[in-house]
Protein backbone atom coordinates (compact mmCIF):
# COMPACT_ATOMS: atom_id res chain seq x y z
CA MET A 1 26.38 -176.46 20.80
CA THR A 2 28.82 -175.94 23.22
CA PHE A 3 29.09 -173.68 25.32
CA LEU A 4 31.87 -171.81 27.15
CA GLU A 5 32.88 -170.23 30.09
CA VAL A 6 34.99 -167.27 28.63
CA PRO A 7 36.17 -164.29 31.21
CA PHE A 8 35.16 -161.18 29.35
CA ARG A 9 39.17 -160.32 29.31
CA GLU A 10 39.65 -163.80 27.23
CA LYS A 11 36.42 -163.29 24.81
CA ASP A 12 38.73 -161.39 21.86
CA GLN A 13 41.05 -164.56 21.99
CA ALA A 14 37.86 -166.72 21.28
CA LYS A 15 36.46 -164.91 19.47
CA SER A 16 39.75 -165.01 17.07
CA LEU A 17 39.02 -169.18 17.30
CA GLY A 18 36.03 -169.07 15.92
CA ALA A 19 33.55 -169.24 19.05
CA ARG A 20 30.25 -167.37 19.09
CA TRP A 21 28.23 -165.18 21.12
CA ASP A 22 24.47 -166.61 21.95
CA ASN A 23 22.48 -163.25 22.87
CA ILE A 24 19.38 -165.47 24.35
CA SER A 25 22.32 -167.61 26.72
CA LYS A 26 24.28 -164.45 27.27
CA LYS A 27 27.39 -167.12 26.31
CA TRP A 28 30.22 -167.73 24.13
CA TYR A 29 29.83 -171.34 22.05
CA VAL A 30 31.67 -173.52 19.85
CA PRO A 31 29.55 -173.88 16.44
CA THR A 32 28.82 -176.73 15.16
CA GLU A 33 31.36 -176.57 11.87
CA LEU A 34 34.12 -176.38 14.86
CA LYS A 35 32.30 -179.61 16.71
CA ASP A 36 35.70 -182.11 16.15
CA GLU A 37 38.39 -178.97 17.05
CA LEU A 38 37.14 -178.55 20.83
CA ASN A 39 40.50 -179.12 22.05
CA LYS A 40 41.55 -175.57 21.37
CA PHE A 41 38.55 -174.27 23.58
CA GLU A 42 39.86 -176.50 26.12
CA ARG A 43 40.24 -174.13 28.61
CA TRP A 44 36.77 -172.55 28.34
CA LEU A 45 34.90 -175.96 28.10
CA PRO A 46 32.74 -176.01 31.32
CA THR A 47 33.59 -179.35 33.64
CA SER A 48 30.61 -181.39 32.03
CA GLU A 49 32.11 -180.88 28.76
CA LEU A 50 35.50 -181.80 29.32
CA GLY A 51 34.49 -185.09 31.28
CA ALA A 52 31.74 -185.88 28.03
CA GLN A 53 34.63 -185.43 25.71
CA SER A 54 37.17 -187.51 26.99
CA ASN A 55 34.81 -190.73 28.00
CA SER A 56 32.94 -189.73 24.21
CA ASN A 57 29.17 -190.09 25.73
CA GLN A 58 27.04 -188.53 23.82
CA VAL A 59 23.37 -187.33 25.78
CA ASN A 60 20.33 -188.69 24.18
CA LEU A 61 16.69 -188.10 24.63
CA PRO A 62 15.22 -190.49 27.41
CA ASP A 63 13.34 -193.31 25.68
CA SER A 64 12.19 -193.97 29.45
CA GLN A 65 11.53 -193.15 32.58
CA ASN A 66 14.74 -195.26 34.02
CA ASP A 67 16.80 -193.67 30.91
CA LEU A 68 15.79 -190.12 32.05
CA PRO A 69 19.20 -188.26 32.34
CA LEU A 70 17.63 -185.90 34.96
CA ALA A 71 16.94 -188.30 37.40
CA MET A 72 16.58 -186.85 40.65
CA ASP A 73 19.18 -188.04 43.41
CA THR A 74 16.33 -190.11 46.10
CA GLN A 75 19.03 -190.07 48.41
CA SER A 76 19.91 -186.42 48.91
CA GLN A 77 16.38 -185.25 48.28
CA LYS A 78 12.84 -185.09 46.59
CA GLY A 79 12.77 -183.75 43.55
CA ALA A 80 15.16 -180.84 41.26
CA PRO A 81 15.14 -176.91 40.84
CA LEU A 82 13.32 -176.09 37.92
CA SER A 83 16.70 -174.62 36.47
CA GLN A 84 18.26 -177.61 36.40
CA VAL A 85 15.60 -179.77 34.86
CA LEU A 86 15.37 -177.34 32.00
CA LYS A 87 19.40 -177.11 31.87
CA LYS A 88 19.45 -180.40 31.33
CA VAL A 89 16.55 -180.22 28.29
CA GLN A 90 18.67 -177.87 26.82
CA MET A 91 21.81 -179.93 27.20
CA ALA A 92 19.74 -182.73 25.77
CA LEU A 93 18.31 -180.71 22.81
CA ARG A 94 21.96 -179.67 21.73
CA GLN A 95 23.24 -183.50 21.76
CA LYS A 96 20.37 -184.65 19.70
CA PHE A 97 20.41 -182.17 17.29
CA PRO A 98 24.10 -180.51 16.56
CA GLY A 99 23.77 -177.95 13.63
CA GLY A 100 20.81 -176.86 11.89
CA THR A 101 18.00 -178.35 11.00
CA TRP A 102 15.57 -178.18 8.00
CA VAL A 103 12.70 -176.96 8.43
CA ILE A 104 9.18 -176.21 6.96
CA ALA A 105 6.78 -174.00 8.35
CA GLU A 106 4.13 -170.78 7.92
CA ILE A 107 5.32 -167.31 8.78
CA ALA A 108 2.39 -166.31 11.08
CA ASN A 109 3.86 -163.41 12.70
CA LEU A 110 7.04 -160.88 11.66
CA ASN A 111 8.08 -158.34 13.63
CA ARG A 112 11.79 -156.20 13.56
CA ASN A 113 13.59 -155.24 17.01
CA ARG A 114 17.22 -153.44 16.71
CA GLY A 115 18.11 -155.16 13.79
CA HIS A 116 16.87 -158.18 14.66
CA ILE A 117 13.73 -160.30 13.25
CA TYR A 118 11.69 -162.73 15.38
CA LEU A 119 9.12 -164.86 14.12
CA GLU A 120 6.03 -166.82 14.80
CA LEU A 121 6.01 -170.19 13.27
CA SER A 122 3.57 -172.50 12.56
CA GLU A 123 1.70 -175.35 10.80
CA THR A 124 -1.74 -176.01 10.11
CA ASN A 125 -3.59 -178.57 8.66
CA ALA A 126 -6.54 -178.86 5.68
CA GLN A 127 -8.86 -177.15 7.99
CA GLY A 128 -7.19 -174.49 8.96
CA GLN A 129 -6.23 -176.24 12.19
CA THR A 130 -2.71 -174.87 14.25
CA LEU A 131 -0.67 -178.62 14.26
CA ALA A 132 2.59 -176.75 16.14
CA SER A 133 3.65 -173.19 16.27
CA CYS A 134 7.32 -171.62 17.59
CA ARG A 135 9.48 -168.34 18.05
CA ALA A 136 12.17 -168.14 15.51
CA MET A 137 14.70 -165.17 14.93
CA ILE A 138 16.47 -164.16 12.47
CA TRP A 139 19.73 -162.54 14.11
CA GLN A 140 21.03 -158.47 12.69
CA SER A 141 24.42 -160.35 11.48
CA GLN A 142 22.48 -163.00 9.38
CA VAL A 143 19.50 -160.43 7.78
CA GLU A 144 21.02 -158.77 5.14
CA ARG A 145 22.35 -162.09 3.77
CA LEU A 146 19.10 -163.99 4.18
CA LEU A 147 16.75 -161.47 3.19
CA GLY A 148 18.52 -159.98 0.44
CA ARG A 149 19.08 -163.40 -0.90
CA PHE A 150 15.16 -164.34 -0.48
CA SER A 151 14.31 -160.68 -2.12
CA LEU A 152 16.68 -161.36 -5.14
CA GLU A 153 15.41 -164.75 -5.97
CA THR A 154 11.61 -164.47 -5.31
CA GLY A 155 11.09 -160.94 -6.00
CA SER A 156 9.32 -160.24 -2.71
CA GLU A 157 10.21 -159.31 1.15
CA LEU A 158 9.57 -161.92 3.56
CA ALA A 159 6.19 -161.47 4.85
CA VAL A 160 3.32 -163.34 7.13
CA GLY A 161 1.46 -165.67 5.15
CA GLN A 162 4.87 -167.38 3.04
CA LYS A 163 5.25 -170.72 3.68
CA ILE A 164 9.51 -171.22 4.03
CA LEU A 165 11.75 -173.70 3.76
CA LEU A 166 14.49 -172.85 6.36
CA LEU A 167 17.80 -174.15 8.16
CA ALA A 168 17.07 -173.73 12.06
CA GLU A 169 19.70 -174.24 14.70
CA ILE A 170 17.64 -175.40 17.53
CA ASN A 171 17.66 -173.16 20.55
CA PHE A 172 15.78 -174.22 24.10
CA HIS A 173 16.59 -171.71 27.17
CA GLU A 174 15.54 -172.12 30.78
CA GLN A 175 14.16 -168.70 30.79
CA TYR A 176 12.86 -167.82 27.52
CA GLY A 177 11.86 -171.35 26.32
CA PHE A 178 12.47 -173.19 22.91
CA SER A 179 12.93 -171.17 19.92
CA PHE A 180 14.59 -171.52 16.38
CA VAL A 181 17.77 -169.25 15.64
CA ILE A 182 17.75 -169.09 11.35
CA GLN A 183 20.88 -169.74 10.02
CA ASP A 184 19.61 -170.00 6.14
CA ILE A 185 16.23 -169.74 4.44
CA ASP A 186 15.71 -172.13 0.87
CA PRO A 187 13.73 -169.29 -1.73
CA THR A 188 13.47 -172.21 -4.44
CA PHE A 189 10.50 -173.81 -1.93
CA THR A 190 8.46 -170.46 -1.38
CA LEU A 191 8.37 -169.80 -4.42
CA GLY A 192 7.04 -173.18 -5.83
CA GLU A 193 6.60 -174.10 -9.26
CA LEU A 194 4.66 -171.56 -9.87
CA GLU A 195 6.43 -168.65 -8.35
CA ALA A 196 9.60 -170.20 -10.25
CA LYS A 197 8.20 -169.94 -13.16
CA LEU A 198 7.05 -166.16 -12.49
CA ASN A 199 10.02 -164.98 -11.13
CA SER A 200 11.87 -166.42 -14.41
CA ILE A 201 9.25 -164.05 -16.48
CA ARG A 202 10.25 -161.30 -14.10
CA LYS A 203 14.10 -161.88 -14.35
CA GLN A 204 13.87 -162.07 -18.32
CA LEU A 205 11.75 -158.86 -18.30
CA ILE A 206 14.26 -157.21 -16.02
CA GLN A 207 17.66 -158.83 -18.62
CA GLU A 208 15.12 -157.04 -21.56
CA LYS A 209 15.05 -153.55 -19.74
CA LEU A 210 11.20 -153.72 -19.97
CA TYR A 211 10.10 -154.49 -16.44
CA GLU A 212 10.04 -151.05 -15.50
CA LEU A 213 9.23 -149.87 -19.20
CA ASN A 214 5.18 -149.25 -18.77
CA LYS A 215 6.02 -147.11 -15.31
CA ARG A 216 7.89 -144.41 -17.28
CA TYR A 217 4.31 -142.97 -18.45
CA THR A 218 2.89 -140.38 -16.27
CA LEU A 219 -0.95 -140.97 -15.66
CA PRO A 220 -3.24 -137.88 -16.61
CA ASN A 221 -4.69 -135.66 -14.33
CA ASP A 222 -8.01 -136.15 -16.09
CA PHE A 223 -9.29 -139.46 -18.21
CA PHE A 224 -11.15 -138.77 -21.64
CA ARG A 225 -11.17 -142.09 -23.18
CA ILE A 226 -10.02 -145.39 -21.62
CA ALA A 227 -9.97 -148.57 -22.86
CA VAL A 228 -10.91 -151.91 -20.90
CA ILE A 229 -9.80 -155.50 -21.19
CA ALA A 230 -12.20 -157.98 -19.25
CA PRO A 231 -13.46 -161.38 -19.02
CA LEU A 232 -17.03 -160.99 -20.93
CA ALA A 233 -19.37 -161.96 -17.68
CA ALA A 234 -16.88 -161.12 -14.82
CA ALA A 235 -18.08 -160.18 -11.80
CA GLY A 236 -15.55 -157.21 -11.26
CA LEU A 237 -16.52 -155.53 -14.16
CA GLY A 238 -19.87 -154.89 -13.61
CA ASP A 239 -18.65 -153.37 -10.10
CA PHE A 240 -16.29 -151.40 -13.15
CA ARG A 241 -19.60 -150.58 -14.94
CA ALA A 242 -21.48 -149.14 -12.30
CA ASP A 243 -19.37 -145.78 -12.37
CA ALA A 244 -18.13 -145.90 -15.47
CA ASP A 245 -21.23 -146.37 -17.42
CA GLN A 246 -22.21 -143.38 -15.16
CA LEU A 247 -19.61 -141.25 -16.31
CA GLN A 248 -20.04 -141.71 -19.89
CA GLN A 249 -23.91 -141.14 -19.78
CA ALA A 250 -22.49 -137.28 -18.27
CA GLY A 251 -19.91 -137.16 -21.19
CA LEU A 252 -17.20 -137.18 -19.05
CA CYS A 253 -15.57 -140.13 -19.87
CA GLU A 254 -16.17 -142.74 -22.61
CA PHE A 255 -14.72 -146.23 -22.34
CA LYS A 256 -14.10 -149.11 -24.94
CA TYR A 257 -14.65 -152.39 -23.79
CA PHE A 258 -12.73 -155.67 -25.12
CA TYR A 259 -13.30 -158.98 -24.00
CA SER A 260 -11.06 -162.03 -23.36
CA ALA A 261 -10.95 -164.63 -21.71
CA PHE A 262 -8.91 -165.23 -18.41
CA GLN A 263 -8.93 -168.49 -17.76
CA GLY A 264 -8.22 -171.54 -19.84
CA ASP A 265 -6.36 -172.18 -23.54
CA GLN A 266 -7.64 -169.20 -25.22
CA VAL A 267 -6.03 -166.13 -22.29
CA GLU A 268 -2.74 -165.30 -25.05
CA THR A 269 -4.91 -166.22 -27.89
CA GLU A 270 -7.90 -163.57 -26.55
CA MET A 271 -6.04 -161.11 -25.18
CA LEU A 272 -3.13 -160.40 -27.91
CA ALA A 273 -6.22 -160.18 -29.78
CA ALA A 274 -7.93 -157.51 -27.87
CA LEU A 275 -4.61 -155.62 -27.49
CA ASP A 276 -3.68 -155.66 -30.96
CA ALA A 277 -7.04 -154.32 -31.75
CA ILE A 278 -6.63 -151.49 -28.92
CA GLU A 279 -3.14 -150.52 -30.57
CA SER A 280 -4.50 -149.94 -33.99
CA LEU A 281 -7.44 -147.54 -32.47
CA HIS A 282 -5.23 -145.93 -30.10
CA ALA A 283 -2.89 -145.22 -33.37
CA THR A 284 -5.72 -143.40 -34.90
CA ASN A 285 -7.76 -141.86 -31.89
CA PRO A 286 -5.52 -142.57 -28.50
CA PHE A 287 -6.73 -143.87 -25.52
CA ASP A 288 -5.61 -142.16 -21.92
CA ALA A 289 -5.02 -145.57 -19.99
CA LEU A 290 -5.37 -149.30 -20.38
CA VAL A 291 -7.55 -151.23 -17.47
CA ILE A 292 -7.22 -154.45 -17.22
CA LEU A 293 -9.80 -156.16 -14.86
CA ARG A 294 -10.59 -159.63 -13.75
CA GLY A 295 -12.48 -159.51 -10.16
CA GLY A 296 -11.57 -162.38 -7.61
CA GLY A 297 -10.78 -166.13 -8.33
CA ALA A 298 -8.56 -168.66 -6.64
CA LYS A 299 -4.82 -168.52 -6.97
CA LEU A 300 -3.99 -170.92 -8.97
CA ASP A 301 -5.86 -168.99 -11.85
CA LEU A 302 -3.67 -166.60 -11.14
CA ASN A 303 -0.80 -168.40 -13.40
CA GLN A 304 -2.75 -168.54 -16.57
CA LEU A 305 -2.32 -164.52 -16.50
CA ASN A 306 1.39 -165.55 -15.98
CA LEU A 307 2.69 -165.39 -19.51
CA TYR A 308 5.90 -163.72 -20.91
CA PRO A 309 4.04 -162.73 -24.71
CA LEU A 310 1.38 -161.01 -22.82
CA ALA A 311 3.72 -159.19 -19.93
CA LYS A 312 6.05 -158.33 -22.63
CA ARG A 313 2.58 -156.39 -24.25
CA ILE A 314 1.84 -154.86 -21.08
CA CYS A 315 5.07 -153.72 -20.85
CA GLU A 316 5.17 -152.54 -24.20
CA ALA A 317 2.36 -150.46 -25.04
CA LYS A 318 2.05 -146.95 -25.61
CA LEU A 319 -0.38 -145.89 -23.14
CA PRO A 320 -0.26 -146.04 -19.01
CA VAL A 321 -1.75 -149.65 -18.20
CA LEU A 322 -3.91 -150.05 -14.37
CA SER A 323 -4.53 -153.44 -13.46
CA GLY A 324 -7.26 -154.57 -11.31
CA ILE A 325 -7.25 -158.35 -11.20
CA GLY A 326 -8.71 -158.32 -8.34
CA HIS A 327 -6.17 -160.25 -5.93
CA GLU A 328 -4.96 -158.29 -2.36
CA ARG A 329 -2.38 -160.52 -1.15
CA ASP A 330 -1.62 -162.33 -4.90
CA ASN A 331 0.15 -160.95 -7.79
CA THR A 332 0.50 -161.64 -11.10
CA ILE A 333 3.42 -160.31 -13.58
CA LEU A 334 0.60 -158.33 -15.10
CA ASP A 335 0.52 -156.61 -11.90
CA GLU A 336 3.83 -156.21 -11.52
CA VAL A 337 4.90 -154.46 -15.45
CA ALA A 338 1.43 -152.24 -15.19
CA HIS A 339 1.52 -148.93 -14.78
CA THR A 340 -0.59 -149.28 -11.37
CA ARG A 341 -1.45 -151.75 -9.80
CA TYR A 342 -5.25 -151.64 -7.86
CA ASP A 343 -6.31 -154.61 -5.44
CA THR A 344 -9.68 -154.56 -7.14
CA PRO A 345 -12.03 -153.31 -10.12
CA SER A 346 -13.81 -151.23 -7.89
CA LYS A 347 -10.80 -149.26 -6.78
CA VAL A 348 -9.86 -148.81 -10.22
CA ILE A 349 -12.47 -147.07 -11.45
CA ALA A 350 -13.13 -145.21 -8.06
CA ASP A 351 -9.50 -143.71 -8.66
CA ILE A 352 -10.42 -142.56 -12.18
CA ARG A 353 -13.58 -141.35 -11.22
CA ASN A 354 -11.68 -139.32 -8.26
CA ARG A 355 -9.01 -138.22 -10.63
CA ILE A 356 -11.93 -136.43 -12.94
CA PHE A 357 -13.94 -134.91 -9.97
CA GLN A 358 -10.88 -133.63 -8.81
CA GLN A 359 -9.93 -132.28 -11.73
CA ALA A 360 -12.74 -130.52 -12.23
CA HIS A 361 -12.97 -129.64 -8.51
CA THR A 362 -9.82 -127.82 -8.91
CA ALA A 363 -10.92 -126.43 -12.57
CA ARG A 364 -13.62 -124.82 -10.82
CA GLN A 365 -11.70 -123.85 -7.56
CA ASN A 366 -9.30 -122.53 -10.40
CA TRP A 367 -11.28 -120.25 -12.26
CA LEU A 368 -12.80 -118.96 -8.96
CA GLN A 369 -8.79 -117.71 -7.54
CA ILE A 370 -8.40 -116.81 -11.01
CA GLU A 371 -11.73 -114.47 -11.09
CA GLN A 372 -11.44 -113.48 -7.92
CA THR A 373 -7.45 -112.65 -8.31
CA SER A 374 -7.93 -110.64 -11.90
CA ARG A 375 -10.88 -108.37 -9.75
CA LEU A 376 -8.33 -107.75 -6.80
CA GLN A 377 -5.30 -107.37 -9.40
CA VAL A 378 -7.59 -105.24 -11.48
CA LYS A 379 -8.98 -102.89 -8.79
CA GLN A 380 -5.13 -102.73 -7.49
CA LEU A 381 -4.15 -101.80 -10.64
CA HIS A 382 -6.09 -98.66 -10.99
CA HIS A 383 -5.51 -97.75 -7.56
CA GLN A 384 -1.74 -97.87 -8.45
CA LEU A 385 -2.96 -96.05 -12.04
CA ASP A 386 -4.42 -93.14 -9.90
CA GLN A 387 -1.03 -93.11 -7.28
CA LEU A 388 1.01 -92.93 -11.27
CA ASP A 389 -1.12 -90.28 -12.24
CA HIS A 390 -1.32 -87.97 -9.42
CA THR A 391 2.66 -88.88 -9.38
CA ILE A 392 3.10 -88.09 -12.66
CA GLN A 393 1.54 -84.76 -12.34
CA ASN A 394 3.60 -83.83 -9.32
CA ASN A 395 6.47 -85.19 -10.93
CA SER A 396 6.14 -83.43 -14.56
CA GLN A 397 5.56 -80.11 -12.74
CA ALA A 398 8.89 -80.52 -10.39
CA CYS A 399 10.78 -81.80 -13.68
CA LEU A 400 9.38 -78.73 -15.39
CA PHE A 401 10.52 -76.35 -12.77
CA PHE A 402 13.78 -78.15 -12.31
CA TRP A 403 14.75 -78.18 -15.96
CA LYS A 404 13.26 -74.44 -17.13
CA ASP A 405 15.83 -73.41 -14.32
CA ASN A 406 19.11 -75.14 -15.42
CA LEU A 407 18.01 -75.12 -19.07
CA GLU A 408 18.18 -70.83 -19.16
CA PRO A 409 21.97 -70.73 -18.52
CA LEU A 410 22.30 -72.96 -21.39
CA LYS A 411 20.21 -71.77 -23.56
CA TYR A 412 22.12 -68.16 -23.17
CA GLN A 413 25.26 -70.40 -23.76
CA LEU A 414 24.24 -72.15 -26.45
CA GLN A 415 23.00 -69.06 -28.23
CA ARG A 416 26.34 -67.39 -27.51
CA GLN A 417 28.35 -70.62 -28.63
CA THR A 418 25.99 -70.62 -31.87
CA ARG A 419 26.99 -66.79 -32.85
CA GLN A 420 29.90 -67.53 -32.35
CA LYS A 421 29.78 -70.95 -34.80
CA LEU A 422 28.17 -68.85 -37.29
CA ASN A 423 30.84 -65.75 -37.66
CA THR A 424 33.43 -68.33 -37.83
CA THR A 425 31.63 -70.41 -40.47
CA GLN A 426 30.29 -67.34 -42.50
CA GLU A 427 33.75 -66.17 -43.02
CA THR A 428 35.16 -69.68 -43.64
CA LEU A 429 32.35 -69.67 -46.50
CA GLU A 430 33.07 -66.48 -48.13
CA GLN A 431 36.45 -67.81 -48.18
CA LEU A 432 35.47 -70.76 -49.90
CA GLN A 433 33.32 -68.91 -51.98
CA ASN A 434 35.85 -66.84 -53.66
CA ARG A 435 38.14 -69.75 -53.70
CA ILE A 436 35.60 -71.22 -55.63
CA LEU A 437 34.46 -68.55 -57.93
CA THR A 438 38.06 -67.75 -58.82
CA ALA A 439 38.40 -71.61 -59.91
CA ILE A 440 35.09 -71.46 -61.43
CA ASN A 441 36.29 -67.71 -63.11
CA GLN A 442 40.10 -69.67 -64.62
CA GLN A 443 37.63 -73.06 -65.80
CA ILE A 444 34.96 -71.06 -67.62
CA ASP A 445 38.08 -69.46 -69.69
CA ARG A 446 39.70 -72.42 -70.43
CA SER A 447 36.62 -73.68 -71.57
CA LYS A 448 35.79 -70.48 -73.73
CA LEU A 449 38.98 -70.70 -75.48
CA HIS A 450 38.56 -74.24 -76.04
CA LEU A 451 34.94 -74.04 -76.91
CA GLU A 452 36.48 -71.25 -79.41
CA GLN A 453 38.62 -73.20 -81.12
CA ASN A 454 35.92 -76.45 -81.55
CA HIS A 455 33.94 -74.29 -83.28
CA GLN A 456 36.60 -73.10 -85.62
CA ALA A 457 37.23 -76.28 -86.51
CA ILE A 458 33.16 -77.37 -86.90
CA LEU A 459 32.85 -74.36 -89.18
CA LEU A 460 35.75 -75.46 -91.42
CA GLU A 461 34.95 -79.15 -91.49
CA ALA A 462 31.31 -78.53 -92.03
CA LYS A 463 32.20 -76.03 -94.92
CA ARG A 464 34.79 -78.86 -96.40
CA SER A 465 31.41 -81.11 -95.82
CA LEU A 466 29.07 -78.94 -97.40
CA ASP A 467 31.50 -78.97 -100.67
CA TYR A 468 31.72 -82.72 -100.87
CA GLN A 469 28.26 -83.15 -100.50
CA HIS A 470 27.53 -80.82 -103.04
CA SER A 471 29.86 -82.19 -105.85
CA GLN A 472 28.25 -85.83 -104.80
CA ILE A 473 25.08 -84.34 -105.62
CA ILE A 474 25.64 -83.35 -109.40
CA GLN A 475 27.74 -86.30 -110.07
CA TRP A 476 24.05 -88.08 -109.00
CA ILE A 477 22.15 -86.23 -110.58
CA ALA A 478 24.18 -86.76 -113.85
CA PHE A 479 23.83 -89.99 -113.33
CA ILE A 480 20.35 -90.12 -113.06
CA LEU A 481 19.69 -87.98 -116.11
CA SER A 482 22.17 -90.45 -118.03
CA SER A 483 20.02 -93.51 -116.57
CA GLY A 484 16.75 -92.80 -118.04
CA PRO A 485 14.66 -94.56 -120.75
CA LYS A 486 15.96 -92.04 -123.27
CA THR A 487 19.31 -92.73 -122.95
CA GLN A 488 18.47 -95.85 -122.72
CA LEU A 489 16.86 -96.35 -126.30
CA ASN A 490 19.75 -94.17 -127.71
CA ARG A 491 22.15 -96.39 -126.46
CA GLY A 492 20.78 -99.17 -128.39
CA PHE A 493 18.42 -100.73 -126.06
CA VAL A 494 14.75 -101.92 -126.49
CA MET A 495 11.43 -101.45 -124.36
CA ALA A 496 8.46 -104.09 -124.24
CA LYS A 497 5.38 -102.58 -123.61
CA ASN A 498 2.25 -104.26 -123.03
CA GLU A 499 -1.33 -103.01 -123.79
CA GLN A 500 -1.46 -100.52 -120.80
CA GLY A 501 1.91 -99.19 -121.55
CA MET A 502 3.42 -100.88 -118.92
CA PRO A 503 7.20 -101.89 -119.24
CA ILE A 504 7.72 -106.03 -119.42
CA LYS A 505 10.26 -107.43 -117.39
CA THR A 506 10.61 -110.94 -117.55
CA ALA A 507 10.10 -113.33 -120.52
CA LYS A 508 7.58 -115.53 -119.08
CA GLU A 509 5.51 -112.48 -118.30
CA ALA A 510 6.01 -111.18 -122.46
CA LYS A 511 4.88 -114.97 -123.17
CA ARG A 512 2.02 -115.32 -121.11
CA LEU A 513 0.82 -111.98 -122.87
CA GLY A 514 1.76 -113.22 -126.16
CA HIS A 515 1.12 -109.46 -127.61
CA LEU A 516 3.64 -107.11 -127.22
CA GLN A 517 4.61 -103.43 -128.09
CA LEU A 518 8.82 -102.77 -128.97
CA GLN A 519 9.56 -99.33 -128.51
CA PHE A 520 12.54 -98.08 -130.16
CA ILE A 521 14.53 -94.41 -130.27
CA ASP A 522 12.72 -93.97 -133.69
CA GLY A 523 9.65 -95.42 -132.65
CA SER A 524 7.50 -98.75 -131.54
CA LEU A 525 6.47 -101.61 -133.46
CA GLU A 526 3.66 -104.59 -132.95
CA ALA A 527 5.03 -108.05 -131.67
CA GLU A 528 3.74 -111.35 -131.68
CA ILE A 529 5.22 -114.08 -130.10
CA PRO A 530 4.34 -118.15 -130.67
CA LYS A 531 2.59 -120.05 -127.99
CA LYS A 532 5.66 -122.74 -128.45
CA ALA A 533 8.43 -120.35 -128.19
CA THR A 534 10.91 -121.53 -126.48
CA ILE A 535 12.73 -119.30 -123.29
CA LYS A 536 16.38 -119.19 -123.99
CA PRO A 537 18.55 -118.72 -120.08
CA PRO A 538 20.64 -115.45 -120.68
CA GLU A 539 24.19 -115.07 -122.21
CA ASN A 540 27.15 -114.39 -120.42
CA ASN A 541 27.87 -111.45 -122.61
CA LEU A 542 24.60 -109.65 -121.26
CA ASN A 543 26.32 -109.34 -118.02
CA GLU A 544 29.35 -107.69 -119.58
CA VAL A 545 26.97 -105.28 -121.60
CA ASP A 546 25.59 -103.97 -117.83
CA LYS A 547 28.59 -103.42 -117.33
């Protein structure tokens, strides 16, 4: 880094050429990427820099006391001012570490001030002892770019305790000491192998629009039935059941437990089986929530829960999921996609218990408020009814007198108009009556004449019909008289009778009887019919005789 002596009036010109401002030293400098173009900044280079550039000499860190670039002038005085020594140290560092250097460190502290971010970086050994530490800063102009990329890649903000790989520009100031100016951060190092896997699952869930799916549910104000997934002998499950069993014994909430491994090869199989069982029961007797408990464990153990199939099932669950896996600082993908994440199982049951108690307390308060409000309203309504009754009585009498005074002239006017209307109507009715009577009389006369004519026609037609019927009856009597047995006998016909004297009508009947009487005009004969007699069909000439 090469500092420049830029007057204030020329700062815009230097900035346009690519110079940058250092907030600590309060000076303009040439960035590393332009170190081969110092000739553009020649007018602002310090005299020492010009000499160094012309001789093409670089300042190296001292390897021995004889090589110290800050050796004191023994002829002038013994010793040098601190500021001069530190400036030479600053110059040596800039020459030795031009540009940025990749550094691995852990964030021990982090603060924001006026848009800048100030960090304390440290390195510790396996025993937790601090091996090195220094200050670092991210200028406001770089904050959005670096932190935005870090957040996008890791899914979390820069925080204390994270181990990061950063590109730092070494900075030493004679007044503020040694520090790093962070130019870049490698998110992949921070993520590591486990974080990279977690981030891959997270990205896939986000792309499939499943990541926030379970958070669409609204937690009920009260719980009545809860499903719980936990390892069989988990310490956190015991903490959870200490309060859950009391709630269940009191009949306030039912807890249904499903057991699954949270470590080992059976995690995915057993947890998916538990989720299947819960989903089946939820379809017939719904749960209010699903709780996933673990309770402590090493950080590496969490990776066994970072499985895409488990995360997807939690996202697509038909009820809100509450996670209490038990890590305050470290999240699993199950924590992220769950509806609500709790640090410990105890906090899960505490929230459930508080919601139940709060709902009961709220219900009691509401009941007391309703009762008190109802009594107050009834009392107020009684008072209002008394006032309204008194007001109605007063208003009724006033209205009665008012309308009586106003209706009296209207009554007289109505009576007068009614009499006039009645007289006019009566005259009109009399005229209509006369017209109707005249029309009726005329119609009656016409009807009488028409009836008279019809009467004469009916009488004439009746006499003619009677004469015709009389003639017909005489003819019928003569025909009947001429059609009797005697007449037929006179005509030459014979009548066959049985022993009782009844006529025999068919040949079959005569053959069956065998004995019959034949009646002639002049007497009767007995006849016998042989059993072997044959019945002959009638001849056509018989029909002609009938005619």
